[in-house]
């Protein structure tokens, strides 16, 4: 709740965050904050199920995009679609599941990763992955303009989720509330600020037991 309240307090500074826009975007941001918590906490079996059994009767290991990978051992490198699918399924199981679309076309001459539509109000969530840095300024420079571009014909509010695949050290990871913030973007000569709720989902991560290994 403190994280959600901090985001909502920041959104209050935007003139368009009123009425039905305020109510509907608040619902989406609330679901996103719950997702970020689940993505940081739930283990593989809880988040995705126990997996399925192969023809030989042995259980097929589920590939968890959040866990550490080693390309040298032939591990598959997680992709944007892993985070997109996880967030999409999360929203489908929520109170707004019937309002969600994935890969919606004809949005700002492009295609939106996750679209949630409340009638005429539509909010888009852009999904990215990054192997280089999870620094806020760096991520905003690379991805914020794209996330904000989808708001040209709807309310000036959107979201950006970035899967952090940088190499980790056994020194701990950042908290969810340290990885989630409200960003502002205004294109050159524009008159209206666009608000983007941005968050980093930590991937390639150690589990707590790894720290004492």
C-alpha atoms as a PDB file:
ATOM      1  CA  UNK A   1       0.000   0.000   0.000  1.00  0.00           C
ATOM      2  CA  UNK A   2       2.779   2.560   0.674  1.00  0.00           C
ATOM      3  CA  UNK A   3       4.131   1.987  -2.840  1.00  0.00           C
ATOM      4  CA  UNK A   4       0.694   2.282  -4.442  1.00  0.00           C
ATOM      5  CA  UNK A   5      -0.060   5.415  -2.450  1.00  0.00           C
ATOM      6  CA  UNK A   6       3.261   6.971  -3.484  1.00  0.00           C
ATOM      7  CA  UNK A   7       2.469   6.388  -7.150  1.00  0.00           C
ATOM      8  CA  UNK A   8      -1.052   7.748  -6.805  1.00  0.00           C
ATOM      9  CA  UNK A   9       0.198  10.809  -4.947  1.00  0.00           C
ATOM     10  CA  UNK A  10       2.565  11.511  -7.835  1.00  0.00           C
ATOM     11  CA  UNK A  11      -0.199  11.087 -10.385  1.00  0.00           C
ATOM     12  CA  UNK A  12      -2.286  13.718  -8.602  1.00  0.00           C
ATOM     13  CA  UNK A  13       0.093  16.339 -10.044  1.00  0.00           C
ATOM     14  CA  UNK A  14      -1.148  15.601 -13.578  1.00  0.00           C
ATOM     15  CA  UNK A  15      -4.224  17.666 -14.553  1.00  0.00           C
ATOM     16  CA  UNK A  16      -5.794  14.793 -16.511  1.00  0.00           C
ATOM     17  CA  UNK A  17      -5.731  12.471 -13.505  1.00  0.00           C
ATOM     18  CA  UNK A  18      -9.341  13.193 -12.577  1.00  0.00           C
ATOM     19  CA  UNK A  19     -12.788  11.603 -12.783  1.00  0.00           C
ATOM     20  CA  UNK A  20     -13.129   8.336 -14.673  1.00  0.00           C
ATOM     21  CA  UNK A  21      -9.497   8.458 -15.813  1.00  0.00           C
ATOM     22  CA  UNK A  22      -8.368   8.626 -12.199  1.00  0.00           C
ATOM     23  CA  UNK A  23     -10.617   5.733 -11.201  1.00  0.00           C
ATOM     24  CA  UNK A  24      -9.699   3.402 -14.073  1.00  0.00           C
ATOM     25  CA  UNK A  25      -5.946   4.016 -14.169  1.00  0.00           C
ATOM     26  CA  UNK A  26      -5.816   3.553 -10.413  1.00  0.00           C
ATOM     27  CA  UNK A  27      -7.306   0.082 -10.872  1.00  0.00           C
ATOM     28  CA  UNK A  28      -4.617  -0.851 -13.412  1.00  0.00           C
ATOM     29  CA  UNK A  29      -1.769   0.539 -11.316  1.00  0.00           C
ATOM     30  CA  UNK A  30      -3.086  -1.398  -8.311  1.00  0.00           C
ATOM     31  CA  UNK A  31      -3.045  -4.648 -10.267  1.00  0.00           C
ATOM     32  CA  UNK A  32       0.452  -3.872 -11.529  1.00  0.00           C
ATOM     33  CA  UNK A  33       1.798  -3.288  -8.018  1.00  0.00           C
ATOM     34  CA  UNK A  34       0.296  -6.613  -6.900  1.00  0.00           C
ATOM     35  CA  UNK A  35       1.935  -8.289  -9.904  1.00  0.00           C
ATOM     36  CA  UNK A  36       5.334  -6.800  -9.071  1.00  0.00           C
ATOM     37  CA  UNK A  37       5.078  -8.135  -5.548  1.00  0.00           C
ATOM     38  CA  UNK A  38       4.105 -11.601  -6.793  1.00  0.00           C
ATOM     39  CA  UNK A  39       6.895 -11.639  -9.379  1.00  0.00           C
ATOM     40  CA  UNK A  40       9.411 -10.843  -6.645  1.00  0.00           C
ATOM     41  CA  UNK A  41       8.065 -13.360  -4.114  1.00  0.00           C
ATOM     42  CA  UNK A  42       6.366 -16.407  -5.622  1.00  0.00           C
ATOM     43  CA  UNK A  43       8.540 -19.411  -6.375  1.00  0.00           C
ATOM     44  CA  UNK A  44       8.323 -21.307  -9.643  1.00  0.00           C
ATOM     45  CA  UNK A  45       5.723 -23.850  -8.570  1.00  0.00           C
ATOM     46  CA  UNK A  46       3.490 -21.260  -6.952  1.00  0.00           C
ATOM     47  CA  UNK A  47       3.700 -18.777  -9.816  1.00  0.00           C
ATOM     48  CA  UNK A  48       3.476 -21.162 -12.758  1.00  0.00           C
ATOM     49  CA  UNK A  49       2.357 -24.552 -11.444  1.00  0.00           C
ATOM     50  CA  UNK A  50       4.312 -27.766 -11.076  1.00  0.00           C
ATOM     51  CA  UNK A  51       4.819 -28.191 -14.800  1.00  0.00           C
ATOM     52  CA  UNK A  52       3.739 -31.162 -16.874  1.00  0.00           C
ATOM     53  CA  UNK A  53       4.814 -34.780 -17.269  1.00  0.00           C
ATOM     54  CA  UNK A  54       6.555 -35.982 -20.419  1.00  0.00           C
ATOM     55  CA  UNK A  55       5.912 -39.240 -22.362  1.00  0.00           C
ATOM     56  CA  UNK A  56       8.482 -41.017 -20.194  1.00  0.00           C
ATOM     57  CA  UNK A  57       6.545 -40.163 -17.036  1.00  0.00           C
ATOM     58  CA  UNK A  58       9.176 -37.754 -15.797  1.00  0.00           C
ATOM     59  CA  UNK A  59       8.241 -34.231 -14.848  1.00  0.00           C
ATOM     60  CA  UNK A  60       9.342 -31.597 -17.343  1.00  0.00           C
ATOM     61  CA  UNK A  61      11.248 -28.825 -15.626  1.00  0.00           C
ATOM     62  CA  UNK A  62       9.620 -25.434 -15.980  1.00  0.00           C
ATOM     63  CA  UNK A  63      11.908 -22.649 -17.184  1.00  0.00           C
ATOM     64  CA  UNK A  64      11.459 -19.698 -14.836  1.00  0.00           C
ATOM     65  CA  UNK A  65      12.488 -16.511 -16.622  1.00  0.00           C
ATOM     66  CA  UNK A  66      13.312 -14.826 -13.291  1.00  0.00           C
ATOM     67  CA  UNK A  67      15.982 -17.318 -12.207  1.00  0.00           C
ATOM     68  CA  UNK A  68      19.664 -17.350 -13.064  1.00  0.00           C
ATOM     69  CA  UNK A  69      20.708 -18.688 -16.442  1.00  0.00           C
ATOM     70  CA  UNK A  70      24.054 -19.722 -17.901  1.00  0.00           C
ATOM     71  CA  UNK A  71      24.386 -19.584 -21.675  1.00  0.00           C
ATOM     72  CA  UNK A  72      27.597 -21.616 -21.427  1.00  0.00           C
ATOM     73  CA  UNK A  73      25.537 -24.517 -20.051  1.00  0.00           C
ATOM     74  CA  UNK A  74      22.976 -24.161 -22.830  1.00  0.00           C
ATOM     75  CA  UNK A  75      20.365 -22.324 -20.767  1.00  0.00           C
ATOM     76  CA  UNK A  76      17.878 -20.321 -22.776  1.00  0.00           C
ATOM     77  CA  UNK A  77      18.115 -16.578 -22.280  1.00  0.00           C
ATOM     78  CA  UNK A  78      14.819 -15.070 -21.111  1.00  0.00           C
ATOM     79  CA  UNK A  79      13.033 -12.797 -23.566  1.00  0.00           C
ATOM     80  CA  UNK A  80      10.534  -9.944 -23.339  1.00  0.00           C
ATOM     81  CA  UNK A  81       7.746 -12.383 -24.121  1.00  0.00           C
ATOM     82  CA  UNK A  82       8.328 -14.217 -20.843  1.00  0.00           C
ATOM     83  CA  UNK A  83       7.518 -11.130 -18.792  1.00  0.00           C
ATOM     84  CA  UNK A  84       4.738 -10.140 -21.170  1.00  0.00           C
ATOM     85  CA  UNK A  85       3.045 -13.533 -20.857  1.00  0.00           C
ATOM     86  CA  UNK A  86       3.371 -13.546 -17.075  1.00  0.00           C
ATOM     87  CA  UNK A  87       1.846 -10.067 -16.727  1.00  0.00           C
ATOM     88  CA  UNK A  88      -0.864 -10.830 -19.262  1.00  0.00           C
ATOM     89  CA  UNK A  89      -1.954 -14.019 -17.476  1.00  0.00           C
ATOM     90  CA  UNK A  90      -1.875 -12.157 -14.162  1.00  0.00           C
ATOM     91  CA  UNK A  91      -4.242  -9.490 -15.509  1.00  0.00           C
ATOM     92  CA  UNK A  92      -6.499 -12.123 -17.104  1.00  0.00           C
ATOM     93  CA  UNK A  93      -7.094 -13.658 -13.678  1.00  0.00           C
ATOM     94  CA  UNK A  94      -7.883 -10.289 -12.097  1.00  0.00           C
ATOM     95  CA  UNK A  95     -11.054  -8.216 -11.882  1.00  0.00           C
ATOM     96  CA  UNK A  96     -10.161  -6.538 -15.198  1.00  0.00           C
ATOM     97  CA  UNK A  97      -9.357  -9.730 -17.099  1.00  0.00           C
ATOM     98  CA  UNK A  98     -12.121  -9.130 -19.640  1.00  0.00           C
ATOM     99  CA  UNK A  99     -10.602  -5.748 -20.536  1.00  0.00           C
ATOM    100  CA  UNK A 100      -7.113  -6.974 -21.492  1.00  0.00           C
ATOM    101  CA  UNK A 101      -5.606  -7.504 -24.947  1.00  0.00           C
ATOM    102  CA  UNK A 102      -2.127  -8.636 -25.909  1.00  0.00           C
ATOM    103  CA  UNK A 103      -0.232  -7.433 -28.995  1.00  0.00           C
ATOM    104  CA  UNK A 104      -2.994  -4.986 -29.949  1.00  0.00           C
ATOM    105  CA  UNK A 105      -2.310  -3.485 -33.400  1.00  0.00           C
ATOM    106  CA  UNK A 106      -2.883  -0.020 -34.858  1.00  0.00           C
ATOM    107  CA  UNK A 107      -1.627   1.822 -31.792  1.00  0.00           C
ATOM    108  CA  UNK A 108       0.431   4.911 -32.707  1.00  0.00           C
ATOM    109  CA  UNK A 109       1.293   3.184 -36.013  1.00  0.00           C
ATOM    110  CA  UNK A 110       2.617   0.243 -34.019  1.00  0.00           C
ATOM    111  CA  UNK A 111       1.636  -2.652 -31.800  1.00  0.00           C
ATOM    112  CA  UNK A 112       1.057  -2.486 -28.066  1.00  0.00           C
ATOM    113  CA  UNK A 113       2.368  -5.214 -25.797  1.00  0.00           C
ATOM    114  CA  UNK A 114      -0.451  -5.132 -23.230  1.00  0.00           C
ATOM    115  CA  UNK A 115      -3.587  -3.028 -23.689  1.00  0.00           C
ATOM    116  CA  UNK A 116      -6.262  -2.511 -21.047  1.00  0.00           C
ATOM    117  CA  UNK A 117      -9.342  -0.679 -22.251  1.00  0.00           C
ATOM    118  CA  UNK A 118     -12.028   0.854 -20.055  1.00  0.00           C
ATOM    119  CA  UNK A 119     -14.385   1.950 -22.808  1.00  0.00           C
ATOM    120  CA  UNK A 120     -12.832   4.960 -24.534  1.00  0.00           C
ATOM    121  CA  UNK A 121      -9.973   5.034 -22.013  1.00  0.00           C
ATOM    122  CA  UNK A 122      -7.089   2.804 -22.997  1.00  0.00           C
ATOM    123  CA  UNK A 123      -3.853   2.241 -21.125  1.00  0.00           C
ATOM    124  CA  UNK A 124      -0.853   0.522 -22.642  1.00  0.00           C
ATOM    125  CA  UNK A 125       1.975  -1.297 -20.909  1.00  0.00           C
ATOM    126  CA  UNK A 126       5.237  -1.516 -22.819  1.00  0.00           C
ATOM    127  CA  UNK A 127       7.437  -4.531 -22.040  1.00  0.00           C
ATOM    128  CA  UNK A 128      11.220  -4.490 -22.463  1.00  0.00           C
ATOM    129  CA  UNK A 129      14.282  -6.498 -21.418  1.00  0.00           C
ATOM    130  CA  UNK A 130      17.732  -5.167 -20.702  1.00  0.00           C
ATOM    131  CA  UNK A 131      21.111  -6.824 -20.128  1.00  0.00           C
ATOM    132  CA  UNK A 132      23.080  -3.629 -19.540  1.00  0.00           C
ATOM    133  CA  UNK A 133      21.774  -1.607 -16.600  1.00  0.00           C
ATOM    134  CA  UNK A 134      18.767  -1.238 -14.311  1.00  0.00           C
ATOM    135  CA  UNK A 135      19.534   2.417 -13.567  1.00  0.00           C
ATOM    136  CA  UNK A 136      16.423   4.603 -13.767  1.00  0.00           C
ATOM    137  CA  UNK A 137      17.943   7.367 -15.872  1.00  0.00           C
ATOM    138  CA  UNK A 138      19.391   4.839 -18.318  1.00  0.00           C
ATOM    139  CA  UNK A 139      16.096   2.980 -18.718  1.00  0.00           C
ATOM    140  CA  UNK A 140      14.111   6.182 -19.130  1.00  0.00           C
ATOM    141  CA  UNK A 141      16.487   7.394 -21.830  1.00  0.00           C
ATOM    142  CA  UNK A 142      16.075   4.156 -23.768  1.00  0.00           C
ATOM    143  CA  UNK A 143      12.410   3.294 -23.304  1.00  0.00           C
ATOM    144  CA  UNK A 144      10.341   6.121 -21.814  1.00  0.00           C
ATOM    145  CA  UNK A 145       9.593   7.953 -25.061  1.00  0.00           C
ATOM    146  CA  UNK A 146       8.210   4.789 -26.659  1.00  0.00           C
ATOM    147  CA  UNK A 147       6.003   3.986 -23.675  1.00  0.00           C
ATOM    148  CA  UNK A 148       4.649   7.544 -23.678  1.00  0.00           C
ATOM    149  CA  UNK A 149       4.076   7.621 -27.452  1.00  0.00           C
ATOM    150  CA  UNK A 150       1.069   5.310 -27.168  1.00  0.00           C
ATOM    151  CA  UNK A 151      -0.825   7.994 -25.236  1.00  0.00           C
ATOM    152  CA  UNK A 152      -1.242  10.352 -28.202  1.00  0.00           C
ATOM    153  CA  UNK A 153      -4.935   9.580 -28.719  1.00  0.00           C
ATOM    154  CA  UNK A 154      -6.023   8.526 -25.243  1.00  0.00           C
ATOM    155  CA  UNK A 155      -5.439   9.587 -21.633  1.00  0.00           C
ATOM    156  CA  UNK A 156      -1.766  10.560 -21.089  1.00  0.00           C
ATOM    157  CA  UNK A 157      -1.010   7.643 -18.783  1.00  0.00           C
ATOM    158  CA  UNK A 158       0.821   4.389 -19.451  1.00  0.00           C
ATOM    159  CA  UNK A 159       3.199   1.828 -18.004  1.00  0.00           C
ATOM    160  CA  UNK A 160       6.662   0.431 -18.667  1.00  0.00           C
ATOM    161  CA  UNK A 161       7.920  -2.907 -17.337  1.00  0.00           C
ATOM    162  CA  UNK A 162      11.578  -3.842 -17.870  1.00  0.00           C
ATOM    163  CA  UNK A 163      12.989  -7.322 -17.292  1.00  0.00           C
ATOM    164  CA  UNK A 164      16.442  -6.838 -15.754  1.00  0.00           C
ATOM    165  CA  UNK A 165      18.828  -9.510 -17.048  1.00  0.00           C
ATOM    166  CA  UNK A 166      22.035  -7.887 -15.849  1.00  0.00           C
ATOM    167  CA  UNK A 167      24.614 -10.072 -14.122  1.00  0.00           C
ATOM    168  CA  UNK A 168      23.941 -10.227 -10.394  1.00  0.00           C
ATOM    169  CA  UNK A 169      26.273 -10.478  -7.425  1.00  0.00           C
ATOM    170  CA  UNK A 170      25.617 -12.304  -4.179  1.00  0.00           C
ATOM    171  CA  UNK A 171      25.067  -9.026  -2.390  1.00  0.00           C
ATOM    172  CA  UNK A 172      21.278  -8.823  -2.486  1.00  0.00           C
ATOM    173  CA  UNK A 173      18.773  -7.304  -4.885  1.00  0.00           C
ATOM    174  CA  UNK A 174      16.819  -4.077  -4.780  1.00  0.00           C
ATOM    175  CA  UNK A 175      13.394  -3.902  -3.169  1.00  0.00           C
ATOM    176  CA  UNK A 176      10.240  -3.676  -5.269  1.00  0.00           C
ATOM    177  CA  UNK A 177       9.578  -0.139  -4.033  1.00  0.00           C
ATOM    178  CA  UNK A 178      13.131   0.825  -5.089  1.00  0.00           C
ATOM    179  CA  UNK A 179      12.484  -0.554  -8.574  1.00  0.00           C
ATOM    180  CA  UNK A 180       9.124   1.151  -9.191  1.00  0.00           C
ATOM    181  CA  UNK A 181       8.633   4.836  -9.873  1.00  0.00           C
ATOM    182  CA  UNK A 182       6.551   7.427 -11.699  1.00  0.00           C
ATOM    183  CA  UNK A 183       8.246   8.933 -14.750  1.00  0.00           C
ATOM    184  CA  UNK A 184       7.240  12.001 -16.749  1.00  0.00           C
ATOM    185  CA  UNK A 185       7.783  12.608 -20.460  1.00  0.00           C
ATOM    186  CA  UNK A 186       6.983  15.583 -22.672  1.00  0.00           C
ATOM    187  CA  UNK A 187       7.991  15.467 -26.357  1.00  0.00           C
ATOM    188  CA  UNK A 188       9.542  18.587 -27.890  1.00  0.00           C
ATOM    189  CA  UNK A 189       6.969  21.371 -28.412  1.00  0.00           C
ATOM    190  CA  UNK A 190       4.272  19.352 -26.648  1.00  0.00           C
ATOM    191  CA  UNK A 191       1.970  21.021 -24.122  1.00  0.00           C
ATOM    192  CA  UNK A 192       0.947  18.016 -22.043  1.00  0.00           C
ATOM    193  CA  UNK A 193       3.091  15.840 -19.794  1.00  0.00           C
ATOM    194  CA  UNK A 194       2.632  12.090 -20.111  1.00  0.00           C
ATOM    195  CA  UNK A 195       2.890   9.969 -16.967  1.00  0.00           C
ATOM    196  CA  UNK A 196       4.398   6.489 -17.103  1.00  0.00           C
ATOM    197  CA  UNK A 197       4.434   4.088 -14.175  1.00  0.00           C
ATOM    198  CA  UNK A 198       7.797   2.361 -14.636  1.00  0.00           C
ATOM    199  CA  UNK A 199       9.103  -0.745 -12.917  1.00  0.00           C
ATOM    200  CA  UNK A 200      11.977  -3.198 -13.154  1.00  0.00           C
ATOM    201  CA  UNK A 201      11.337  -6.924 -12.724  1.00  0.00           C
ATOM    202  CA  UNK A 202      14.531  -8.543 -11.475  1.00  0.00           C
ATOM    203  CA  UNK A 203      15.634 -11.523 -13.524  1.00  0.00           C
ATOM    204  CA  UNK A 204      18.807 -13.632 -13.574  1.00  0.00           C
ATOM    205  CA  UNK A 205      18.535 -13.574  -9.809  1.00  0.00           C
ATOM    206  CA  UNK A 206      19.840 -15.705  -6.980  1.00  0.00           C
ATOM    207  CA  UNK A 207      17.471 -17.268  -4.473  1.00  0.00           C
ATOM    208  CA  UNK A 208      17.996 -16.514  -0.754  1.00  0.00           C
ATOM    209  CA  UNK A 209      19.581 -19.923  -0.123  1.00  0.00           C
ATOM    210  CA  UNK A 210      22.270 -19.138  -2.723  1.00  0.00           C
ATOM    211  CA  UNK A 211      23.663 -16.422  -0.496  1.00  0.00           C
ATOM    212  CA  UNK A 212      24.898 -18.925   2.065  1.00  0.00           C
ATOM    213  CA  UNK A 213      26.186 -21.472  -0.424  1.00  0.00           C
END
